[in-house]
Amino acid sequence: LTVTVMRNAGFEAFDNIAGGETAGIPFA
């Protein structure tokens, strides 16, 4: 998931990772 996002969006594209309650929290 990490490399998919970096490949598609960029390696310096984000400042914060947010998880959606509740299932997204551990994966975030």
mmCIF file of all heavy atoms, coordinates in Angstrom:
data_MODEL
# 
_entry.id   MODEL 
# 
loop_
_atom_site.group_PDB 
_atom_site.id 
_atom_site.type_symbol 
_atom_site.label_atom_id 
_atom_site.label_alt_id 
_atom_site.label_comp_id 
_atom_site.label_asym_id 
_atom_site.label_entity_id 
_atom_site.label_seq_id 
_atom_site.pdbx_PDB_ins_code 
_atom_site.Cartn_x 
_atom_site.Cartn_y 
_atom_site.Cartn_z 
_atom_site.occupancy 
_atom_site.B_iso_or_equiv 
_atom_site.pdbx_formal_charge 
_atom_site.auth_seq_id 
_atom_site.auth_comp_id 
_atom_site.auth_asym_id 
_atom_site.auth_atom_id 
_atom_site.pdbx_PDB_model_num 
ATOM 1   N N   . LEU A 1 1  ? 0.830   -1.200 0.000  1.00 0.00 ? 1  LEU A N   1 
ATOM 2   C CA  . LEU A 1 1  ? 0.000   0.000  0.000  1.00 0.00 ? 1  LEU A CA  1 
ATOM 3   C C   . LEU A 1 1  ? 0.871   1.259  0.000  1.00 0.00 ? 1  LEU A C   1 
ATOM 4   O O   . LEU A 1 1  ? 0.585   2.233  -0.712 1.00 0.00 ? 1  LEU A O   1 
ATOM 5   C CB  . LEU A 1 1  ? -0.924  -0.004 1.215  1.00 0.00 ? 1  LEU A CB  1 
ATOM 6   C CG  . LEU A 1 1  ? -2.101  0.971  1.173  1.00 0.00 ? 1  LEU A CG  1 
ATOM 7   C CD1 . LEU A 1 1  ? -3.012  0.683  -0.018 1.00 0.00 ? 1  LEU A CD1 1 
ATOM 8   C CD2 . LEU A 1 1  ? -2.902  0.918  2.465  1.00 0.00 ? 1  LEU A CD2 1 
ATOM 9   N N   . THR A 1 2  ? 1.954   1.212  0.773  1.00 0.00 ? 2  THR A N   1 
ATOM 10  C CA  . THR A 1 2  ? 2.854   2.361  0.841  1.00 0.00 ? 2  THR A CA  1 
ATOM 11  C C   . THR A 1 2  ? 3.488   2.656  -0.509 1.00 0.00 ? 2  THR A C   1 
ATOM 12  O O   . THR A 1 2  ? 3.477   3.801  -0.983 1.00 0.00 ? 2  THR A O   1 
ATOM 13  C CB  . THR A 1 2  ? 3.952   2.123  1.895  1.00 0.00 ? 2  THR A CB  1 
ATOM 14  O OG1 . THR A 1 2  ? 3.337   1.912  3.178  1.00 0.00 ? 2  THR A OG1 1 
ATOM 15  C CG2 . THR A 1 2  ? 4.899   3.309  1.977  1.00 0.00 ? 2  THR A CG2 1 
ATOM 16  N N   . VAL A 1 3  ? 4.016   1.628  -1.158 1.00 0.00 ? 3  VAL A N   1 
ATOM 17  C CA  . VAL A 1 3  ? 4.692   1.876  -2.434 1.00 0.00 ? 3  VAL A CA  1 
ATOM 18  C C   . VAL A 1 3  ? 3.691   2.210  -3.538 1.00 0.00 ? 3  VAL A C   1 
ATOM 19  O O   . VAL A 1 3  ? 4.015   2.973  -4.452 1.00 0.00 ? 3  VAL A O   1 
ATOM 20  C CB  . VAL A 1 3  ? 5.582   0.682  -2.849 1.00 0.00 ? 3  VAL A CB  1 
ATOM 21  C CG1 . VAL A 1 3  ? 6.690   0.457  -1.844 1.00 0.00 ? 3  VAL A CG1 1 
ATOM 22  C CG2 . VAL A 1 3  ? 4.782   -0.584 -3.056 1.00 0.00 ? 3  VAL A CG2 1 
ATOM 23  N N   . THR A 1 4  ? 2.486   1.680  -3.461 1.00 0.00 ? 4  THR A N   1 
ATOM 24  C CA  . THR A 1 4  ? 1.457   2.023  -4.444 1.00 0.00 ? 4  THR A CA  1 
ATOM 25  C C   . THR A 1 4  ? 1.124   3.512  -4.362 1.00 0.00 ? 4  THR A C   1 
ATOM 26  O O   . THR A 1 4  ? 1.047   4.205  -5.387 1.00 0.00 ? 4  THR A O   1 
ATOM 27  C CB  . THR A 1 4  ? 0.192   1.180  -4.226 1.00 0.00 ? 4  THR A CB  1 
ATOM 28  O OG1 . THR A 1 4  ? 0.494   -0.198 -4.478 1.00 0.00 ? 4  THR A OG1 1 
ATOM 29  C CG2 . THR A 1 4  ? -0.937  1.620  -5.157 1.00 0.00 ? 4  THR A CG2 1 
ATOM 30  N N   . VAL A 1 5  ? 0.940   3.998  -3.152 1.00 0.00 ? 5  VAL A N   1 
ATOM 31  C CA  . VAL A 1 5  ? 0.630   5.422  -2.972 1.00 0.00 ? 5  VAL A CA  1 
ATOM 32  C C   . VAL A 1 5  ? 1.796   6.289  -3.427 1.00 0.00 ? 5  VAL A C   1 
ATOM 33  O O   . VAL A 1 5  ? 1.612   7.292  -4.150 1.00 0.00 ? 5  VAL A O   1 
ATOM 34  C CB  . VAL A 1 5  ? 0.285   5.706  -1.496 1.00 0.00 ? 5  VAL A CB  1 
ATOM 35  C CG1 . VAL A 1 5  ? 0.270   7.214  -1.238 1.00 0.00 ? 5  VAL A CG1 1 
ATOM 36  C CG2 . VAL A 1 5  ? -1.057  5.094  -1.144 1.00 0.00 ? 5  VAL A CG2 1 
ATOM 37  N N   . MET A 1 6  ? 3.022   5.926  -3.040 1.00 0.00 ? 6  MET A N   1 
ATOM 38  C CA  . MET A 1 6  ? 4.178   6.740  -3.422 1.00 0.00 ? 6  MET A CA  1 
ATOM 39  C C   . MET A 1 6  ? 4.393   6.708  -4.928 1.00 0.00 ? 6  MET A C   1 
ATOM 40  O O   . MET A 1 6  ? 4.731   7.725  -5.531 1.00 0.00 ? 6  MET A O   1 
ATOM 41  C CB  . MET A 1 6  ? 5.419   6.267  -2.678 1.00 0.00 ? 6  MET A CB  1 
ATOM 42  C CG  . MET A 1 6  ? 5.379   6.554  -1.184 1.00 0.00 ? 6  MET A CG  1 
ATOM 43  S SD  . MET A 1 6  ? 6.972   6.327  -0.348 1.00 0.00 ? 6  MET A SD  1 
ATOM 44  C CE  . MET A 1 6  ? 7.315   4.613  -0.719 1.00 0.00 ? 6  MET A CE  1 
ATOM 45  N N   . ARG A 1 7  ? 4.182   5.565  -5.547 1.00 0.00 ? 7  ARG A N   1 
ATOM 46  C CA  . ARG A 1 7  ? 4.346   5.462  -6.991 1.00 0.00 ? 7  ARG A CA  1 
ATOM 47  C C   . ARG A 1 7  ? 3.313   6.313  -7.726 1.00 0.00 ? 7  ARG A C   1 
ATOM 48  O O   . ARG A 1 7  ? 3.619   6.981  -8.716 1.00 0.00 ? 7  ARG A O   1 
ATOM 49  C CB  . ARG A 1 7  ? 4.199   3.989  -7.416 1.00 0.00 ? 7  ARG A CB  1 
ATOM 50  C CG  . ARG A 1 7  ? 4.322   3.761  -8.922 1.00 0.00 ? 7  ARG A CG  1 
ATOM 51  C CD  . ARG A 1 7  ? 4.107   2.288  -9.250 1.00 0.00 ? 7  ARG A CD  1 
ATOM 52  N NE  . ARG A 1 7  ? 2.765   1.869  -8.885 1.00 0.00 ? 7  ARG A NE  1 
ATOM 53  C CZ  . ARG A 1 7  ? 2.411   0.599  -8.720 1.00 0.00 ? 7  ARG A CZ  1 
ATOM 54  N NH1 . ARG A 1 7  ? 3.314   -0.364 -8.841 1.00 0.00 ? 7  ARG A NH1 1 
ATOM 55  N NH2 . ARG A 1 7  ? 1.179   0.288  -8.396 1.00 0.00 ? 7  ARG A NH2 1 
ATOM 56  N N   . ASN A 1 8  ? 2.073   6.313  -7.227 1.00 0.00 ? 8  ASN A N   1 
ATOM 57  C CA  . ASN A 1 8  ? 0.998   7.017  -7.917 1.00 0.00 ? 8  ASN A CA  1 
ATOM 58  C C   . ASN A 1 8  ? 0.920   8.508  -7.576 1.00 0.00 ? 8  ASN A C   1 
ATOM 59  O O   . ASN A 1 8  ? 0.560   9.324  -8.426 1.00 0.00 ? 8  ASN A O   1 
ATOM 60  C CB  . ASN A 1 8  ? -0.346  6.373  -7.579 1.00 0.00 ? 8  ASN A CB  1 
ATOM 61  C CG  . ASN A 1 8  ? -0.460  4.957  -8.122 1.00 0.00 ? 8  ASN A CG  1 
ATOM 62  O OD1 . ASN A 1 8  ? 0.317   4.550  -8.976 1.00 0.00 ? 8  ASN A OD1 1 
ATOM 63  N ND2 . ASN A 1 8  ? -1.428  4.203  -7.615 1.00 0.00 ? 8  ASN A ND2 1 
ATOM 64  N N   . ALA A 1 9  ? 1.214   8.849  -6.315 1.00 0.00 ? 9  ALA A N   1 
ATOM 65  C CA  . ALA A 1 9  ? 1.011   10.225 -5.863 1.00 0.00 ? 9  ALA A CA  1 
ATOM 66  C C   . ALA A 1 9  ? 2.301   11.009 -5.685 1.00 0.00 ? 9  ALA A C   1 
ATOM 67  O O   . ALA A 1 9  ? 2.290   12.236 -5.752 1.00 0.00 ? 9  ALA A O   1 
ATOM 68  C CB  . ALA A 1 9  ? 0.228   10.227 -4.550 1.00 0.00 ? 9  ALA A CB  1 
ATOM 69  N N   . GLY A 1 10 ? 3.413   10.293 -5.440 1.00 0.00 ? 10 GLY A N   1 
ATOM 70  C CA  . GLY A 1 10 ? 4.681   10.980 -5.222 1.00 0.00 ? 10 GLY A CA  1 
ATOM 71  C C   . GLY A 1 10 ? 5.316   10.572 -3.904 1.00 0.00 ? 10 GLY A C   1 
ATOM 72  O O   . GLY A 1 10 ? 4.622   10.169 -2.971 1.00 0.00 ? 10 GLY A O   1 
ATOM 73  N N   . PHE A 1 11 ? 6.618   10.694 -3.836 1.00 0.00 ? 11 PHE A N   1 
ATOM 74  C CA  . PHE A 1 11 ? 7.352   10.255 -2.650 1.00 0.00 ? 11 PHE A CA  1 
ATOM 75  C C   . PHE A 1 11 ? 7.344   11.300 -1.538 1.00 0.00 ? 11 PHE A C   1 
ATOM 76  O O   . PHE A 1 11 ? 7.616   10.989 -0.384 1.00 0.00 ? 11 PHE A O   1 
ATOM 77  C CB  . PHE A 1 11 ? 8.791   9.901  -3.038 1.00 0.00 ? 11 PHE A CB  1 
ATOM 78  C CG  . PHE A 1 11 ? 8.888   8.611  -3.798 1.00 0.00 ? 11 PHE A CG  1 
ATOM 79  C CD1 . PHE A 1 11 ? 8.555   8.563  -5.140 1.00 0.00 ? 11 PHE A CD1 1 
ATOM 80  C CD2 . PHE A 1 11 ? 9.287   7.443  -3.173 1.00 0.00 ? 11 PHE A CD2 1 
ATOM 81  C CE1 . PHE A 1 11 ? 8.627   7.376  -5.856 1.00 0.00 ? 11 PHE A CE1 1 
ATOM 82  C CE2 . PHE A 1 11 ? 9.357   6.245  -3.868 1.00 0.00 ? 11 PHE A CE2 1 
ATOM 83  C CZ  . PHE A 1 11 ? 9.033   6.208  -5.218 1.00 0.00 ? 11 PHE A CZ  1 
ATOM 84  N N   . GLU A 1 12 ? 7.030   12.550 -1.883 1.00 0.00 ? 12 GLU A N   1 
ATOM 85  C CA  . GLU A 1 12 ? 6.961   13.624 -0.888 1.00 0.00 ? 12 GLU A CA  1 
ATOM 86  C C   . GLU A 1 12 ? 5.605   14.324 -0.978 1.00 0.00 ? 12 GLU A C   1 
ATOM 87  O O   . GLU A 1 12 ? 5.508   15.538 -0.852 1.00 0.00 ? 12 GLU A O   1 
ATOM 88  C CB  . GLU A 1 12 ? 8.106   14.628 -1.103 1.00 0.00 ? 12 GLU A CB  1 
ATOM 89  C CG  . GLU A 1 12 ? 9.495   14.052 -0.946 1.00 0.00 ? 12 GLU A CG  1 
ATOM 90  C CD  . GLU A 1 12 ? 9.820   13.662 0.497  1.00 0.00 ? 12 GLU A CD  1 
ATOM 91  O OE1 . GLU A 1 12 ? 9.116   14.149 1.422  1.00 0.00 ? 12 GLU A OE1 1 
ATOM 92  O OE2 . GLU A 1 12 ? 10.762  12.881 0.708  1.00 0.00 ? 12 GLU A OE2 1 
ATOM 93  N N   . ALA A 1 13 ? 4.567   13.538 -1.174 1.00 0.00 ? 13 ALA A N   1 
ATOM 94  C CA  . ALA A 1 13 ? 3.247   14.111 -1.449 1.00 0.00 ? 13 ALA A CA  1 
ATOM 95  C C   . ALA A 1 13 ? 2.415   14.384 -0.203 1.00 0.00 ? 13 ALA A C   1 
ATOM 96  O O   . ALA A 1 13 ? 1.380   15.055 -0.288 1.00 0.00 ? 13 ALA A O   1 
ATOM 97  C CB  . ALA A 1 13 ? 2.464   13.183 -2.383 1.00 0.00 ? 13 ALA A CB  1 
ATOM 98  N N   . PHE A 1 14 ? 2.847   13.868 0.966  1.00 0.00 ? 14 PHE A N   1 
ATOM 99  C CA  . PHE A 1 14 ? 1.987   13.942 2.151  1.00 0.00 ? 14 PHE A CA  1 
ATOM 100 C C   . PHE A 1 14 ? 2.749   14.409 3.381  1.00 0.00 ? 14 PHE A C   1 
ATOM 101 O O   . PHE A 1 14 ? 3.962   14.218 3.495  1.00 0.00 ? 14 PHE A O   1 
ATOM 102 C CB  . PHE A 1 14 ? 1.346   12.575 2.417  1.00 0.00 ? 14 PHE A CB  1 
ATOM 103 C CG  . PHE A 1 14 ? 0.562   12.050 1.249  1.00 0.00 ? 14 PHE A CG  1 
ATOM 104 C CD1 . PHE A 1 14 ? 1.066   11.033 0.455  1.00 0.00 ? 14 PHE A CD1 1 
ATOM 105 C CD2 . PHE A 1 14 ? -0.662  12.604 0.921  1.00 0.00 ? 14 PHE A CD2 1 
ATOM 106 C CE1 . PHE A 1 14 ? 0.366   10.567 -0.642 1.00 0.00 ? 14 PHE A CE1 1 
ATOM 107 C CE2 . PHE A 1 14 ? -1.376  12.151 -0.177 1.00 0.00 ? 14 PHE A CE2 1 
ATOM 108 C CZ  . PHE A 1 14 ? -0.861  11.128 -0.963 1.00 0.00 ? 14 PHE A CZ  1 
ATOM 109 N N   . ASP A 1 15 ? 1.977   15.002 4.308  1.00 0.00 ? 15 ASP A N   1 
ATOM 110 C CA  . ASP A 1 15 ? 2.524   15.455 5.588  1.00 0.00 ? 15 ASP A CA  1 
ATOM 111 C C   . ASP A 1 15 ? 1.893   14.720 6.765  1.00 0.00 ? 15 ASP A C   1 
ATOM 112 O O   . ASP A 1 15 ? 2.389   14.800 7.889  1.00 0.00 ? 15 ASP A O   1 
ATOM 113 C CB  . ASP A 1 15 ? 2.256   16.954 5.775  1.00 0.00 ? 15 ASP A CB  1 
ATOM 114 C CG  . ASP A 1 15 ? 2.744   17.782 4.593  1.00 0.00 ? 15 ASP A CG  1 
ATOM 115 O OD1 . ASP A 1 15 ? 3.953   17.740 4.308  1.00 0.00 ? 15 ASP A OD1 1 
ATOM 116 O OD2 . ASP A 1 15 ? 1.906   18.454 3.957  1.00 0.00 ? 15 ASP A OD2 1 
ATOM 117 N N   . ASN A 1 16 ? 0.786   14.029 6.526  1.00 0.00 ? 16 ASN A N   1 
ATOM 118 C CA  . ASN A 1 16 ? 0.039   13.405 7.611  1.00 0.00 ? 16 ASN A CA  1 
ATOM 119 C C   . ASN A 1 16 ? -0.750  12.232 7.039  1.00 0.00 ? 16 ASN A C   1 
ATOM 120 O O   . ASN A 1 16 ? -1.282  12.323 5.932  1.00 0.00 ? 16 ASN A O   1 
ATOM 121 C CB  . ASN A 1 16 ? -0.917  14.437 8.235  1.00 0.00 ? 16 ASN A CB  1 
ATOM 122 C CG  . ASN A 1 16 ? -1.494  14.020 9.570  1.00 0.00 ? 16 ASN A CG  1 
ATOM 123 O OD1 . ASN A 1 16 ? -1.928  12.885 9.741  1.00 0.00 ? 16 ASN A OD1 1 
ATOM 124 N ND2 . ASN A 1 16 ? -1.506  14.948 10.513 1.00 0.00 ? 16 ASN A ND2 1 
ATOM 125 N N   . ILE A 1 17 ? -0.824  11.145 7.809  1.00 0.00 ? 17 ILE A N   1 
ATOM 126 C CA  . ILE A 1 17 ? -1.605  9.971  7.407  1.00 0.00 ? 17 ILE A CA  1 
ATOM 127 C C   . ILE A 1 17 ? -2.775  9.839  8.367  1.00 0.00 ? 17 ILE A C   1 
ATOM 128 O O   . ILE A 1 17 ? -2.584  9.721  9.582  1.00 0.00 ? 17 ILE A O   1 
ATOM 129 C CB  . ILE A 1 17 ? -0.756  8.683  7.450  1.00 0.00 ? 17 ILE A CB  1 
ATOM 130 C CG1 . ILE A 1 17 ? 0.544   8.857  6.665  1.00 0.00 ? 17 ILE A CG1 1 
ATOM 131 C CG2 . ILE A 1 17 ? -1.580  7.512  6.909  1.00 0.00 ? 17 ILE A CG2 1 
ATOM 132 C CD1 . ILE A 1 17 ? 0.381   9.159  5.206  1.00 0.00 ? 17 ILE A CD1 1 
ATOM 133 N N   . ALA A 1 18 ? -4.007  9.855  7.831  1.00 0.00 ? 18 ALA A N   1 
ATOM 134 C CA  . ALA A 1 18 ? -5.204  9.774  8.673  1.00 0.00 ? 18 ALA A CA  1 
ATOM 135 C C   . ALA A 1 18 ? -5.950  8.475  8.425  1.00 0.00 ? 18 ALA A C   1 
ATOM 136 O O   . ALA A 1 18 ? -6.131  8.059  7.275  1.00 0.00 ? 18 ALA A O   1 
ATOM 137 C CB  . ALA A 1 18 ? -6.131  10.956 8.394  1.00 0.00 ? 18 ALA A CB  1 
ATOM 138 N N   . GLY A 1 19 ? -6.382  7.826  9.493  1.00 0.00 ? 19 GLY A N   1 
ATOM 139 C CA  . GLY A 1 19 ? -7.195  6.626  9.385  1.00 0.00 ? 19 GLY A CA  1 
ATOM 140 C C   . GLY A 1 19 ? -8.646  6.941  9.659  1.00 0.00 ? 19 GLY A C   1 
ATOM 141 O O   . GLY A 1 19 ? -8.968  7.785  10.494 1.00 0.00 ? 19 GLY A O   1 
ATOM 142 N N   . GLY A 1 20 ? -9.536  6.277  8.951  1.00 0.00 ? 20 GLY A N   1 
ATOM 143 C CA  . GLY A 1 20 ? -10.966 6.441  9.198  1.00 0.00 ? 20 GLY A CA  1 
ATOM 144 C C   . GLY A 1 20 ? -11.422 5.493  10.287 1.00 0.00 ? 20 GLY A C   1 
ATOM 145 O O   . GLY A 1 20 ? -11.056 4.316  10.286 1.00 0.00 ? 20 GLY A O   1 
ATOM 146 N N   . GLU A 1 21 ? -12.226 5.992  11.222 1.00 0.00 ? 21 GLU A N   1 
ATOM 147 C CA  . GLU A 1 21 ? -12.772 5.164  12.305 1.00 0.00 ? 21 GLU A CA  1 
ATOM 148 C C   . GLU A 1 21 ? -13.690 4.080  11.729 1.00 0.00 ? 21 GLU A C   1 
ATOM 149 O O   . GLU A 1 21 ? -14.547 4.375  10.893 1.00 0.00 ? 21 GLU A O   1 
ATOM 150 C CB  . GLU A 1 21 ? -13.560 6.057  13.264 1.00 0.00 ? 21 GLU A CB  1 
ATOM 151 C CG  . GLU A 1 21 ? -14.154 5.320  14.443 1.00 0.00 ? 21 GLU A CG  1 
ATOM 152 C CD  . GLU A 1 21 ? -15.149 6.163  15.237 1.00 0.00 ? 21 GLU A CD  1 
ATOM 153 O OE1 . GLU A 1 21 ? -15.583 7.215  14.725 1.00 0.00 ? 21 GLU A OE1 1 
ATOM 154 O OE2 . GLU A 1 21 ? -15.495 5.750  16.351 1.00 0.00 ? 21 GLU A OE2 1 
ATOM 155 N N   . THR A 1 22 ? -13.561 2.819  12.169 1.00 0.00 ? 22 THR A N   1 
ATOM 156 C CA  . THR A 1 22 ? -12.508 2.282  13.017 1.00 0.00 ? 22 THR A CA  1 
ATOM 157 C C   . THR A 1 22 ? -11.501 1.441  12.229 1.00 0.00 ? 22 THR A C   1 
ATOM 158 O O   . THR A 1 22 ? -10.341 1.342  12.601 1.00 0.00 ? 22 THR A O   1 
ATOM 159 C CB  . THR A 1 22 ? -13.111 1.392  14.115 1.00 0.00 ? 22 THR A CB  1 
ATOM 160 O OG1 . THR A 1 22 ? -13.869 0.335  13.509 1.00 0.00 ? 22 THR A OG1 1 
ATOM 161 C CG2 . THR A 1 22 ? -13.965 2.167  15.060 1.00 0.00 ? 22 THR A CG2 1 
ATOM 162 N N   . ALA A 1 23 ? -11.967 0.837  11.147 1.00 0.00 ? 23 ALA A N   1 
ATOM 163 C CA  . ALA A 1 23 ? -11.130 -0.139 10.448 1.00 0.00 ? 23 ALA A CA  1 
ATOM 164 C C   . ALA A 1 23 ? -9.871  0.460  9.856  1.00 0.00 ? 23 ALA A C   1 
ATOM 165 O O   . ALA A 1 23 ? -8.853  -0.212 9.712  1.00 0.00 ? 23 ALA A O   1 
ATOM 166 C CB  . ALA A 1 23 ? -11.936 -0.843 9.354  1.00 0.00 ? 23 ALA A CB  1 
ATOM 167 N N   . GLY A 1 24 ? -9.906  1.758  9.513  1.00 0.00 ? 24 GLY A N   1 
ATOM 168 C CA  . GLY A 1 24 ? -8.752  2.372  8.890  1.00 0.00 ? 24 GLY A CA  1 
ATOM 169 C C   . GLY A 1 24 ? -7.643  2.740  9.853  1.00 0.00 ? 24 GLY A C   1 
ATOM 170 O O   . GLY A 1 24 ? -6.507  2.994  9.422  1.00 0.00 ? 24 GLY A O   1 
ATOM 171 N N   . ILE A 1 25 ? -7.937  2.762  11.154 1.00 0.00 ? 25 ILE A N   1 
ATOM 172 C CA  . ILE A 1 25 ? -6.963  3.260  12.120 1.00 0.00 ? 25 ILE A CA  1 
ATOM 173 C C   . ILE A 1 25 ? -5.677  2.435  12.159 1.00 0.00 ? 25 ILE A C   1 
ATOM 174 O O   . ILE A 1 25 ? -4.578  2.997  12.051 1.00 0.00 ? 25 ILE A O   1 
ATOM 175 C CB  . ILE A 1 25 ? -7.601  3.388  13.517 1.00 0.00 ? 25 ILE A CB  1 
ATOM 176 C CG1 . ILE A 1 25 ? -8.680  4.475  13.495 1.00 0.00 ? 25 ILE A CG1 1 
ATOM 177 C CG2 . ILE A 1 25 ? -6.551  3.696  14.577 1.00 0.00 ? 25 ILE A CG2 1 
ATOM 178 C CD1 . ILE A 1 25 ? -9.484  4.585  14.784 1.00 0.00 ? 25 ILE A CD1 1 
ATOM 179 N N   . PRO A 1 26 ? -5.741  1.107  12.316 1.00 0.00 ? 26 PRO A N   1 
ATOM 180 C CA  . PRO A 1 26 ? -4.471  0.365  12.360 1.00 0.00 ? 26 PRO A CA  1 
ATOM 181 C C   . PRO A 1 26 ? -3.681  0.455  11.068 1.00 0.00 ? 26 PRO A C   1 
ATOM 182 O O   . PRO A 1 26 ? -2.452  0.577  11.096 1.00 0.00 ? 26 PRO A O   1 
ATOM 183 C CB  . PRO A 1 26 ? -4.896  -1.076 12.662 1.00 0.00 ? 26 PRO A CB  1 
ATOM 184 C CG  . PRO A 1 26 ? -6.330  -1.157 12.253 1.00 0.00 ? 26 PRO A CG  1 
ATOM 185 C CD  . PRO A 1 26 ? -6.890  0.201  12.516 1.00 0.00 ? 26 PRO A CD  1 
ATOM 186 N N   . PHE A 1 27 ? -4.366  0.440  9.939  1.00 0.00 ? 27 PHE A N   1 
ATOM 187 C CA  . PHE A 1 27 ? -3.653  0.480  8.660  1.00 0.00 ? 27 PHE A CA  1 
ATOM 188 C C   . PHE A 1 27 ? -2.999  1.852  8.443  1.00 0.00 ? 27 PHE A C   1 
ATOM 189 O O   . PHE A 1 27 ? -1.899  1.941  7.887  1.00 0.00 ? 27 PHE A O   1 
ATOM 190 C CB  . PHE A 1 27 ? -4.603  0.125  7.520  1.00 0.00 ? 27 PHE A CB  1 
ATOM 191 C CG  . PHE A 1 27 ? -5.205  -1.240 7.666  1.00 0.00 ? 27 PHE A CG  1 
ATOM 192 C CD1 . PHE A 1 27 ? -6.572  -1.422 7.746  1.00 0.00 ? 27 PHE A CD1 1 
ATOM 193 C CD2 . PHE A 1 27 ? -4.390  -2.358 7.765  1.00 0.00 ? 27 PHE A CD2 1 
ATOM 194 C CE1 . PHE A 1 27 ? -7.122  -2.680 7.910  1.00 0.00 ? 27 PHE A CE1 1 
ATOM 195 C CE2 . PHE A 1 27 ? -4.933  -3.635 7.921  1.00 0.00 ? 27 PHE A CE2 1 
ATOM 196 C CZ  . PHE A 1 27 ? -6.304  -3.785 8.000  1.00 0.00 ? 27 PHE A CZ  1 
ATOM 197 N N   . ALA A 1 28 ? -3.658  2.913  8.885  1.00 0.00 ? 28 ALA A N   1 
ATOM 198 C CA  . ALA A 1 28 ? -3.045  4.239  8.811  1.00 0.00 ? 28 ALA A CA  1 
ATOM 199 C C   . ALA A 1 28 ? -1.782  4.294  9.658  1.00 0.00 ? 28 ALA A C   1 
ATOM 200 O O   . ALA A 1 28 ? -0.775  4.892  9.266  1.00 0.00 ? 28 ALA A O   1 
ATOM 201 C CB  . ALA A 1 28 ? -4.039  5.308  9.270  1.00 0.00 ? 28 ALA A CB  1 
# 
